[in-house]
């Protein structure tokens, strides 16, 4: 009886040990860590290019001698404005994180036509003379800005942003012409004509931005932005009559501003890499 019991126990031990032996013969089980979440920020250096349309304005246009407040003479400005223009710019920047980036940009603002008109009234021996002066010119600029932007979150790859910048504007006024037509004693004719040579002025510039960017790929972003740009001031060379007999000094353009719409492209030089997690090897 004792031998039968020992035999039964030995058989049970063999049966129990079979799964362990089989498990030892199986290959190891490899478990991989869950895939890393891609970094939407893509930090690092980037290049940018911009094209856009400009709508420039001038706050005041005056000449020191004409607008010096001579008794009896009044000058009323009735028109001053620019035709629409275009711009092109390049820059380099750095994306610090998903919320903050900065860049330095340089742009050329192509020549835009200027037109203006003053109406001057002054006394004469025959009473009073009214003289409208029509002005024409063109303006172009180089603008260099250091900009800082705040990205306000991303939804479906679209990121609204705001920003600001400060720098310098190098503005050139060219082809300035003055044509005045007056009437006196019942006759009307050209009573003053003048011109000014090109002149350039360097002035403080600053800008405010608002827009939307769309991430086409991890290293490529398209943005559409509105910008308010303050170009400072500019002036012509001395305004002289066409016969060279009279010199009135420069015409001053003050409070030059522009409202721009820009389309920009940003190329990240080294997109963020997805972290690598080694596999975890376990026995069965």
C-alpha atoms as a PDB file:
ATOM      1  CA  UNK A   1       0.000   0.000   0.000  1.00  0.00           C
ATOM      2  CA  UNK A   2       2.853   2.325   0.890  1.00  0.00           C
ATOM      3  CA  UNK A   3       4.527   1.724  -2.450  1.00  0.00           C
ATOM      4  CA  UNK A   4       1.293   2.549  -4.317  1.00  0.00           C
ATOM      5  CA  UNK A   5       0.987   5.839  -2.417  1.00  0.00           C
ATOM      6  CA  UNK A   6       4.594   6.796  -3.227  1.00  0.00           C
ATOM      7  CA  UNK A   7       4.036   5.959  -6.869  1.00  0.00           C
ATOM      8  CA  UNK A   8       0.917   8.160  -7.003  1.00  0.00           C
ATOM      9  CA  UNK A   9       2.749  11.092  -5.452  1.00  0.00           C
ATOM     10  CA  UNK A  10       5.618  10.746  -7.923  1.00  0.00           C
ATOM     11  CA  UNK A  11       3.203  10.722 -10.866  1.00  0.00           C
ATOM     12  CA  UNK A  12       1.452  13.866  -9.618  1.00  0.00           C
ATOM     13  CA  UNK A  13       4.801  15.646  -9.301  1.00  0.00           C
ATOM     14  CA  UNK A  14       5.689  14.751 -12.896  1.00  0.00           C
ATOM     15  CA  UNK A  15       2.324  16.039 -14.164  1.00  0.00           C
ATOM     16  CA  UNK A  16       2.684  19.341 -12.277  1.00  0.00           C
ATOM     17  CA  UNK A  17       6.218  19.889 -13.576  1.00  0.00           C
ATOM     18  CA  UNK A  18       5.295  19.487 -17.267  1.00  0.00           C
ATOM     19  CA  UNK A  19       3.889  23.094 -17.761  1.00  0.00           C
ATOM     20  CA  UNK A  20       6.960  24.590 -16.054  1.00  0.00           C
ATOM     21  CA  UNK A  21       9.270  22.653 -18.365  1.00  0.00           C
ATOM     22  CA  UNK A  22       7.243  23.687 -21.412  1.00  0.00           C
ATOM     23  CA  UNK A  23       7.245  27.336 -20.303  1.00  0.00           C
ATOM     24  CA  UNK A  24      11.000  27.229 -19.881  1.00  0.00           C
ATOM     25  CA  UNK A  25      11.330  26.048 -23.474  1.00  0.00           C
ATOM     26  CA  UNK A  26       9.183  28.941 -24.872  1.00  0.00           C
ATOM     27  CA  UNK A  27      10.904  32.090 -26.317  1.00  0.00           C
ATOM     28  CA  UNK A  28      10.929  35.238 -24.108  1.00  0.00           C
ATOM     29  CA  UNK A  29       7.981  37.595 -24.300  1.00  0.00           C
ATOM     30  CA  UNK A  30       8.945  41.077 -25.554  1.00  0.00           C
ATOM     31  CA  UNK A  31       6.786  43.938 -24.351  1.00  0.00           C
ATOM     32  CA  UNK A  32       7.297  47.379 -25.832  1.00  0.00           C
ATOM     33  CA  UNK A  33       6.565  50.643 -24.060  1.00  0.00           C
ATOM     34  CA  UNK A  34       3.592  52.625 -25.363  1.00  0.00           C
ATOM     35  CA  UNK A  35       4.472  54.871 -28.318  1.00  0.00           C
ATOM     36  CA  UNK A  36       5.739  58.303 -27.374  1.00  0.00           C
ATOM     37  CA  UNK A  37       3.427  61.244 -27.943  1.00  0.00           C
ATOM     38  CA  UNK A  38       4.778  63.465 -30.700  1.00  0.00           C
ATOM     39  CA  UNK A  39       5.990  66.897 -29.574  1.00  0.00           C
ATOM     40  CA  UNK A  40       3.725  69.499 -31.193  1.00  0.00           C
ATOM     41  CA  UNK A  41       6.091  72.287 -30.196  1.00  0.00           C
ATOM     42  CA  UNK A  42       9.002  71.427 -32.489  1.00  0.00           C
ATOM     43  CA  UNK A  43      11.479  73.670 -30.692  1.00  0.00           C
ATOM     44  CA  UNK A  44      14.561  75.011 -32.436  1.00  0.00           C
ATOM     45  CA  UNK A  45      15.821  77.441 -35.060  1.00  0.00           C
ATOM     46  CA  UNK A  46      13.660  78.316 -38.053  1.00  0.00           C
ATOM     47  CA  UNK A  47      13.809  80.358 -41.248  1.00  0.00           C
ATOM     48  CA  UNK A  48      10.898  82.441 -42.478  1.00  0.00           C
ATOM     49  CA  UNK A  49       9.755  84.274 -45.597  1.00  0.00           C
ATOM     50  CA  UNK A  50       6.876  86.742 -45.980  1.00  0.00           C
ATOM     51  CA  UNK A  51       4.985  88.528 -48.733  1.00  0.00           C
ATOM     52  CA  UNK A  52       2.188  90.990 -48.184  1.00  0.00           C
ATOM     53  CA  UNK A  53       0.094  93.998 -49.089  1.00  0.00           C
ATOM     54  CA  UNK A  54       0.557  97.408 -47.488  1.00  0.00           C
ATOM     55  CA  UNK A  55      -1.858 100.281 -46.852  1.00  0.00           C
ATOM     56  CA  UNK A  56       0.280 103.231 -45.754  1.00  0.00           C
ATOM     57  CA  UNK A  57      -0.839 106.523 -44.217  1.00  0.00           C
ATOM     58  CA  UNK A  58       0.838 109.777 -43.210  1.00  0.00           C
ATOM     59  CA  UNK A  59      -0.361 111.728 -40.185  1.00  0.00           C
ATOM     60  CA  UNK A  60       0.883 115.148 -41.301  1.00  0.00           C
ATOM     61  CA  UNK A  61       2.683 116.695 -44.258  1.00  0.00           C
ATOM     62  CA  UNK A  62       4.187 120.150 -43.905  1.00  0.00           C
ATOM     63  CA  UNK A  63       6.938 122.523 -44.930  1.00  0.00           C
ATOM     64  CA  UNK A  64       8.612 124.714 -42.313  1.00  0.00           C
ATOM     65  CA  UNK A  65       8.396 127.847 -44.440  1.00  0.00           C
ATOM     66  CA  UNK A  66       4.964 127.357 -45.953  1.00  0.00           C
ATOM     67  CA  UNK A  67       3.372 126.220 -42.664  1.00  0.00           C
ATOM     68  CA  UNK A  68       5.181 128.745 -40.462  1.00  0.00           C
ATOM     69  CA  UNK A  69       2.023 130.630 -39.542  1.00  0.00           C
ATOM     70  CA  UNK A  70       2.559 133.750 -41.658  1.00  0.00           C
ATOM     71  CA  UNK A  71      -0.205 136.275 -40.774  1.00  0.00           C
ATOM     72  CA  UNK A  72      -3.014 136.260 -43.259  1.00  0.00           C
ATOM     73  CA  UNK A  73      -2.120 132.906 -44.806  1.00  0.00           C
ATOM     74  CA  UNK A  74      -4.030 129.725 -43.999  1.00  0.00           C
ATOM     75  CA  UNK A  75      -3.132 126.272 -45.269  1.00  0.00           C
ATOM     76  CA  UNK A  76      -5.724 123.495 -45.196  1.00  0.00           C
ATOM     77  CA  UNK A  77      -4.688 119.973 -46.073  1.00  0.00           C
ATOM     78  CA  UNK A  78      -7.566 118.198 -47.817  1.00  0.00           C
ATOM     79  CA  UNK A  79      -5.905 115.025 -49.089  1.00  0.00           C
ATOM     80  CA  UNK A  80      -2.847 112.926 -48.297  1.00  0.00           C
ATOM     81  CA  UNK A  81      -2.531 109.232 -48.943  1.00  0.00           C
ATOM     82  CA  UNK A  82      -0.695 106.354 -50.593  1.00  0.00           C
ATOM     83  CA  UNK A  83      -1.758 103.830 -53.159  1.00  0.00           C
ATOM     84  CA  UNK A  84      -1.611 100.197 -52.069  1.00  0.00           C
ATOM     85  CA  UNK A  85       1.814  98.599 -52.067  1.00  0.00           C
ATOM     86  CA  UNK A  86       3.594  95.280 -51.593  1.00  0.00           C
ATOM     87  CA  UNK A  87       6.415  93.955 -49.403  1.00  0.00           C
ATOM     88  CA  UNK A  88       8.784  91.008 -49.209  1.00  0.00           C
ATOM     89  CA  UNK A  89      10.759  89.869 -46.172  1.00  0.00           C
ATOM     90  CA  UNK A  90      13.103  87.198 -44.795  1.00  0.00           C
ATOM     91  CA  UNK A  91      14.064  86.296 -41.244  1.00  0.00           C
ATOM     92  CA  UNK A  92      15.511  83.816 -38.782  1.00  0.00           C
ATOM     93  CA  UNK A  93      13.998  82.858 -35.439  1.00  0.00           C
ATOM     94  CA  UNK A  94      13.868  80.419 -32.553  1.00  0.00           C
ATOM     95  CA  UNK A  95      10.889  78.485 -31.145  1.00  0.00           C
ATOM     96  CA  UNK A  96      11.480  78.303 -27.373  1.00  0.00           C
ATOM     97  CA  UNK A  97       8.452  76.143 -26.527  1.00  0.00           C
ATOM     98  CA  UNK A  98       4.844  75.632 -27.605  1.00  0.00           C
ATOM     99  CA  UNK A  99       3.908  79.139 -26.440  1.00  0.00           C
ATOM    100  CA  UNK A 100       6.861  81.434 -27.138  1.00  0.00           C
ATOM    101  CA  UNK A 101       9.015  82.230 -30.181  1.00  0.00           C
ATOM    102  CA  UNK A 102      11.097  85.135 -31.458  1.00  0.00           C
ATOM    103  CA  UNK A 103      12.665  86.181 -34.752  1.00  0.00           C
ATOM    104  CA  UNK A 104      14.625  88.909 -36.468  1.00  0.00           C
ATOM    105  CA  UNK A 105      13.269  90.058 -39.841  1.00  0.00           C
ATOM    106  CA  UNK A 106      14.327  92.313 -42.680  1.00  0.00           C
ATOM    107  CA  UNK A 107      11.915  93.446 -45.374  1.00  0.00           C
ATOM    108  CA  UNK A 108      11.750  95.667 -48.420  1.00  0.00           C
ATOM    109  CA  UNK A 109       8.588  97.679 -48.962  1.00  0.00           C
ATOM    110  CA  UNK A 110       8.284  98.402 -52.659  1.00  0.00           C
ATOM    111  CA  UNK A 111       7.641 101.920 -53.933  1.00  0.00           C
ATOM    112  CA  UNK A 112       4.080 103.173 -53.394  1.00  0.00           C
ATOM    113  CA  UNK A 113       2.689 106.325 -55.017  1.00  0.00           C
ATOM    114  CA  UNK A 114       1.758 109.271 -52.794  1.00  0.00           C
ATOM    115  CA  UNK A 115      -0.795 111.974 -53.612  1.00  0.00           C
ATOM    116  CA  UNK A 116      -1.871 114.997 -51.601  1.00  0.00           C
ATOM    117  CA  UNK A 117      -3.427 118.443 -51.813  1.00  0.00           C
ATOM    118  CA  UNK A 118      -3.266 121.637 -49.778  1.00  0.00           C
ATOM    119  CA  UNK A 119      -5.534 124.664 -50.221  1.00  0.00           C
ATOM    120  CA  UNK A 120      -3.788 127.914 -49.289  1.00  0.00           C
ATOM    121  CA  UNK A 121      -5.611 131.204 -48.870  1.00  0.00           C
ATOM    122  CA  UNK A 122      -3.710 134.494 -48.656  1.00  0.00           C
ATOM    123  CA  UNK A 123      -4.430 138.201 -49.226  1.00  0.00           C
ATOM    124  CA  UNK A 124      -3.380 140.033 -52.409  1.00  0.00           C
ATOM    125  CA  UNK A 125      -3.753 143.548 -53.805  1.00  0.00           C
ATOM    126  CA  UNK A 126      -6.950 142.422 -55.529  1.00  0.00           C
ATOM    127  CA  UNK A 127      -8.489 140.827 -52.467  1.00  0.00           C
ATOM    128  CA  UNK A 128      -7.866 137.201 -51.654  1.00  0.00           C
ATOM    129  CA  UNK A 129      -6.272 134.367 -53.588  1.00  0.00           C
ATOM    130  CA  UNK A 130      -6.984 130.693 -53.127  1.00  0.00           C
ATOM    131  CA  UNK A 131      -4.301 128.326 -54.326  1.00  0.00           C
ATOM    132  CA  UNK A 132      -4.617 124.514 -54.341  1.00  0.00           C
ATOM    133  CA  UNK A 133      -1.260 122.743 -54.276  1.00  0.00           C
ATOM    134  CA  UNK A 134      -1.234 119.182 -55.596  1.00  0.00           C
ATOM    135  CA  UNK A 135       1.581 116.932 -54.417  1.00  0.00           C
ATOM    136  CA  UNK A 136       2.875 113.673 -55.802  1.00  0.00           C
ATOM    137  CA  UNK A 137       5.766 111.446 -54.754  1.00  0.00           C
ATOM    138  CA  UNK A 138       6.708 107.819 -54.108  1.00  0.00           C
ATOM    139  CA  UNK A 139       7.920 106.104 -50.954  1.00  0.00           C
ATOM    140  CA  UNK A 140       9.892 102.907 -50.379  1.00  0.00           C
ATOM    141  CA  UNK A 141      11.383 101.479 -47.174  1.00  0.00           C
ATOM    142  CA  UNK A 142      13.733  98.953 -45.647  1.00  0.00           C
ATOM    143  CA  UNK A 143      12.474  97.754 -42.256  1.00  0.00           C
ATOM    144  CA  UNK A 144      14.396  95.660 -39.729  1.00  0.00           C
ATOM    145  CA  UNK A 145      12.571  94.321 -36.651  1.00  0.00           C
ATOM    146  CA  UNK A 146      13.197  92.098 -33.635  1.00  0.00           C
ATOM    147  CA  UNK A 147       9.891  90.336 -32.886  1.00  0.00           C
ATOM    148  CA  UNK A 148       8.433  88.315 -30.014  1.00  0.00           C
ATOM    149  CA  UNK A 149       5.290  86.173 -30.387  1.00  0.00           C
ATOM    150  CA  UNK A 150       2.947  84.333 -28.036  1.00  0.00           C
ATOM    151  CA  UNK A 151       1.187  81.270 -29.489  1.00  0.00           C
ATOM    152  CA  UNK A 152      -2.193  80.900 -27.784  1.00  0.00           C
ATOM    153  CA  UNK A 153      -2.803  77.164 -28.137  1.00  0.00           C
ATOM    154  CA  UNK A 154      -3.405  74.771 -31.018  1.00  0.00           C
ATOM    155  CA  UNK A 155      -6.713  73.348 -32.254  1.00  0.00           C
ATOM    156  CA  UNK A 156      -6.762  71.036 -35.304  1.00  0.00           C
ATOM    157  CA  UNK A 157      -3.250  72.226 -36.227  1.00  0.00           C
ATOM    158  CA  UNK A 158      -4.359  75.913 -36.210  1.00  0.00           C
ATOM    159  CA  UNK A 159      -2.631  78.244 -33.741  1.00  0.00           C
ATOM    160  CA  UNK A 160      -3.739  81.840 -33.095  1.00  0.00           C
ATOM    161  CA  UNK A 161      -0.922  84.177 -32.069  1.00  0.00           C
ATOM    162  CA  UNK A 162      -0.164  87.757 -31.079  1.00  0.00           C
ATOM    163  CA  UNK A 163       3.143  89.590 -31.083  1.00  0.00           C
ATOM    164  CA  UNK A 164       5.122  92.784 -31.166  1.00  0.00           C
ATOM    165  CA  UNK A 165       8.380  94.068 -32.591  1.00  0.00           C
ATOM    166  CA  UNK A 166      10.772  97.015 -32.498  1.00  0.00           C
ATOM    167  CA  UNK A 167      13.522  98.131 -34.857  1.00  0.00           C
ATOM    168  CA  UNK A 168      14.392 100.722 -37.488  1.00  0.00           C
ATOM    169  CA  UNK A 169      12.940 101.909 -40.797  1.00  0.00           C
ATOM    170  CA  UNK A 170      15.054 103.390 -43.587  1.00  0.00           C
ATOM    171  CA  UNK A 171      12.546 105.313 -45.713  1.00  0.00           C
ATOM    172  CA  UNK A 172      13.141 107.052 -49.046  1.00  0.00           C
ATOM    173  CA  UNK A 173      10.879 109.742 -50.530  1.00  0.00           C
ATOM    174  CA  UNK A 174      11.407 110.108 -54.291  1.00  0.00           C
ATOM    175  CA  UNK A 175      10.044 112.147 -57.204  1.00  0.00           C
ATOM    176  CA  UNK A 176       8.306 114.780 -55.077  1.00  0.00           C
ATOM    177  CA  UNK A 177       6.403 117.311 -57.204  1.00  0.00           C
ATOM    178  CA  UNK A 178       4.333 120.360 -56.252  1.00  0.00           C
ATOM    179  CA  UNK A 179       1.911 121.950 -58.704  1.00  0.00           C
ATOM    180  CA  UNK A 180      -0.055 124.989 -57.505  1.00  0.00           C
ATOM    181  CA  UNK A 181      -2.939 126.590 -59.396  1.00  0.00           C
ATOM    182  CA  UNK A 182      -4.243 129.965 -58.242  1.00  0.00           C
ATOM    183  CA  UNK A 183      -6.877 132.544 -59.194  1.00  0.00           C
ATOM    184  CA  UNK A 184      -6.581 136.322 -58.850  1.00  0.00           C
ATOM    185  CA  UNK A 185      -8.412 139.206 -60.516  1.00  0.00           C
ATOM    186  CA  UNK A 186     -10.630 136.823 -62.424  1.00  0.00           C
ATOM    187  CA  UNK A 187      -7.758 134.858 -63.965  1.00  0.00           C
ATOM    188  CA  UNK A 188      -6.652 131.327 -63.185  1.00  0.00           C
ATOM    189  CA  UNK A 189      -3.285 129.752 -63.881  1.00  0.00           C
ATOM    190  CA  UNK A 190      -0.272 127.925 -62.560  1.00  0.00           C
ATOM    191  CA  UNK A 191       1.250 130.150 -59.887  1.00  0.00           C
ATOM    192  CA  UNK A 192       3.783 127.794 -58.251  1.00  0.00           C
ATOM    193  CA  UNK A 193       5.654 124.708 -59.295  1.00  0.00           C
ATOM    194  CA  UNK A 194       8.428 122.899 -57.490  1.00  0.00           C
ATOM    195  CA  UNK A 195      10.283 119.658 -57.043  1.00  0.00           C
ATOM    196  CA  UNK A 196      12.505 117.907 -54.514  1.00  0.00           C
ATOM    197  CA  UNK A 197      15.210 115.321 -55.041  1.00  0.00           C
ATOM    198  CA  UNK A 198      15.160 111.950 -53.313  1.00  0.00           C
ATOM    199  CA  UNK A 199      16.152 111.771 -49.651  1.00  0.00           C
ATOM    200  CA  UNK A 200      16.294 108.947 -47.084  1.00  0.00           C
ATOM    201  CA  UNK A 201      15.589 109.006 -43.344  1.00  0.00           C
ATOM    202  CA  UNK A 202      16.317 106.467 -40.600  1.00  0.00           C
ATOM    203  CA  UNK A 203      13.683 106.331 -37.873  1.00  0.00           C
ATOM    204  CA  UNK A 204      12.512 104.151 -34.985  1.00  0.00           C
ATOM    205  CA  UNK A 205       9.926 101.560 -36.058  1.00  0.00           C
ATOM    206  CA  UNK A 206       7.619  99.285 -34.096  1.00  0.00           C
ATOM    207  CA  UNK A 207       4.901  96.767 -34.912  1.00  0.00           C
ATOM    208  CA  UNK A 208       1.963  94.823 -33.458  1.00  0.00           C
ATOM    209  CA  UNK A 209       0.855  91.435 -34.855  1.00  0.00           C
ATOM    210  CA  UNK A 210      -2.154  89.158 -34.761  1.00  0.00           C
ATOM    211  CA  UNK A 211      -2.847  86.103 -36.870  1.00  0.00           C
ATOM    212  CA  UNK A 212      -3.280  82.374 -37.388  1.00  0.00           C
ATOM    213  CA  UNK A 213      -0.691  79.734 -38.221  1.00  0.00           C
ATOM    214  CA  UNK A 214      -1.298  76.259 -39.659  1.00  0.00           C
ATOM    215  CA  UNK A 215       1.180  73.413 -39.216  1.00  0.00           C
ATOM    216  CA  UNK A 216       1.348  71.599 -42.550  1.00  0.00           C
ATOM    217  CA  UNK A 217       4.106  69.240 -41.323  1.00  0.00           C
ATOM    218  CA  UNK A 218       6.275  69.030 -38.172  1.00  0.00           C
ATOM    219  CA  UNK A 219       8.870  71.295 -39.778  1.00  0.00           C
ATOM    220  CA  UNK A 220       6.692  73.480 -42.003  1.00  0.00           C
ATOM    221  CA  UNK A 221       4.137  76.124 -40.947  1.00  0.00           C
ATOM    222  CA  UNK A 222       2.042  78.618 -42.920  1.00  0.00           C
ATOM    223  CA  UNK A 223       0.750  81.774 -41.260  1.00  0.00           C
ATOM    224  CA  UNK A 224      -1.638  84.593 -42.147  1.00  0.00           C
ATOM    225  CA  UNK A 225      -1.147  87.765 -40.124  1.00  0.00           C
ATOM    226  CA  UNK A 226      -2.320  91.353 -39.729  1.00  0.00           C
ATOM    227  CA  UNK A 227       0.314  93.905 -38.723  1.00  0.00           C
ATOM    228  CA  UNK A 228       0.125  97.511 -37.603  1.00  0.00           C
ATOM    229  CA  UNK A 229       3.498  99.105 -38.409  1.00  0.00           C
ATOM    230  CA  UNK A 230       4.761 102.517 -37.304  1.00  0.00           C
ATOM    231  CA  UNK A 231       7.500 103.728 -39.666  1.00  0.00           C
ATOM    232  CA  UNK A 232       8.273 106.968 -37.844  1.00  0.00           C
ATOM    233  CA  UNK A 233       9.028 109.910 -40.113  1.00  0.00           C
ATOM    234  CA  UNK A 234      10.658 110.832 -43.419  1.00  0.00           C
ATOM    235  CA  UNK A 235      11.386 113.901 -45.506  1.00  0.00           C
ATOM    236  CA  UNK A 236      12.307 115.038 -48.998  1.00  0.00           C
ATOM    237  CA  UNK A 237      15.354 116.940 -50.092  1.00  0.00           C
ATOM    238  CA  UNK A 238      14.892 120.737 -50.279  1.00  0.00           C
ATOM    239  CA  UNK A 239      11.816 121.818 -52.225  1.00  0.00           C
ATOM    240  CA  UNK A 240      12.843 124.284 -54.927  1.00  0.00           C
ATOM    241  CA  UNK A 241      10.995 126.017 -57.748  1.00  0.00           C
ATOM    242  CA  UNK A 242      11.467 124.673 -61.248  1.00  0.00           C
ATOM    243  CA  UNK A 243      13.376 127.808 -62.222  1.00  0.00           C
ATOM    244  CA  UNK A 244      15.693 127.319 -59.239  1.00  0.00           C
ATOM    245  CA  UNK A 245      14.940 130.792 -57.836  1.00  0.00           C
ATOM    246  CA  UNK A 246      13.255 129.729 -54.593  1.00  0.00           C
ATOM    247  CA  UNK A 247      14.257 127.199 -51.933  1.00  0.00           C
ATOM    248  CA  UNK A 248      11.610 126.289 -49.345  1.00  0.00           C
ATOM    249  CA  UNK A 249      13.455 123.518 -47.491  1.00  0.00           C
ATOM    250  CA  UNK A 250      12.284 119.897 -47.170  1.00  0.00           C
ATOM    251  CA  UNK A 251       8.741 118.549 -47.018  1.00  0.00           C
ATOM    252  CA  UNK A 252       8.235 116.565 -43.798  1.00  0.00           C
ATOM    253  CA  UNK A 253       6.213 113.338 -43.641  1.00  0.00           C
ATOM    254  CA  UNK A 254       5.319 112.672 -40.000  1.00  0.00           C
ATOM    255  CA  UNK A 255       3.550 109.754 -38.280  1.00  0.00           C
ATOM    256  CA  UNK A 256       4.007 107.295 -41.126  1.00  0.00           C
ATOM    257  CA  UNK A 257       2.047 104.109 -40.427  1.00  0.00           C
ATOM    258  CA  UNK A 258       0.886 101.081 -42.359  1.00  0.00           C
ATOM    259  CA  UNK A 259      -1.700  98.336 -41.989  1.00  0.00           C
ATOM    260  CA  UNK A 260      -0.337  95.194 -43.595  1.00  0.00           C
ATOM    261  CA  UNK A 261      -1.689  91.757 -44.441  1.00  0.00           C
ATOM    262  CA  UNK A 262       1.072  89.147 -44.666  1.00  0.00           C
ATOM    263  CA  UNK A 263       1.362  85.536 -45.776  1.00  0.00           C
ATOM    264  CA  UNK A 264       4.332  83.830 -44.151  1.00  0.00           C
ATOM    265  CA  UNK A 265       6.134  80.483 -44.338  1.00  0.00           C
ATOM    266  CA  UNK A 266       8.289  79.028 -41.537  1.00  0.00           C
ATOM    267  CA  UNK A 267      10.786  76.174 -41.974  1.00  0.00           C
ATOM    268  CA  UNK A 268      12.068  74.513 -38.811  1.00  0.00           C
ATOM    269  CA  UNK A 269      15.724  73.589 -39.306  1.00  0.00           C
ATOM    270  CA  UNK A 270      15.605  70.543 -36.976  1.00  0.00           C
ATOM    271  CA  UNK A 271      12.150  69.279 -35.930  1.00  0.00           C
ATOM    272  CA  UNK A 272      11.892  67.658 -32.493  1.00  0.00           C
ATOM    273  CA  UNK A 273      12.689  63.937 -32.530  1.00  0.00           C
ATOM    274  CA  UNK A 274      10.355  61.357 -31.009  1.00  0.00           C
ATOM    275  CA  UNK A 275      11.974  59.777 -27.909  1.00  0.00           C
ATOM    276  CA  UNK A 276      13.085  56.119 -28.229  1.00  0.00           C
ATOM    277  CA  UNK A 277      12.002  53.595 -25.595  1.00  0.00           C
ATOM    278  CA  UNK A 278      13.894  50.229 -25.580  1.00  0.00           C
ATOM    279  CA  UNK A 279      11.814  47.053 -25.475  1.00  0.00           C
ATOM    280  CA  UNK A 280      11.170  45.321 -22.145  1.00  0.00           C
ATOM    281  CA  UNK A 281      12.071  41.593 -22.208  1.00  0.00           C
ATOM    282  CA  UNK A 282      10.246  39.294 -19.769  1.00  0.00           C
ATOM    283  CA  UNK A 283      10.121  35.520 -19.314  1.00  0.00           C
ATOM    284  CA  UNK A 284       6.880  33.656 -19.662  1.00  0.00           C
END
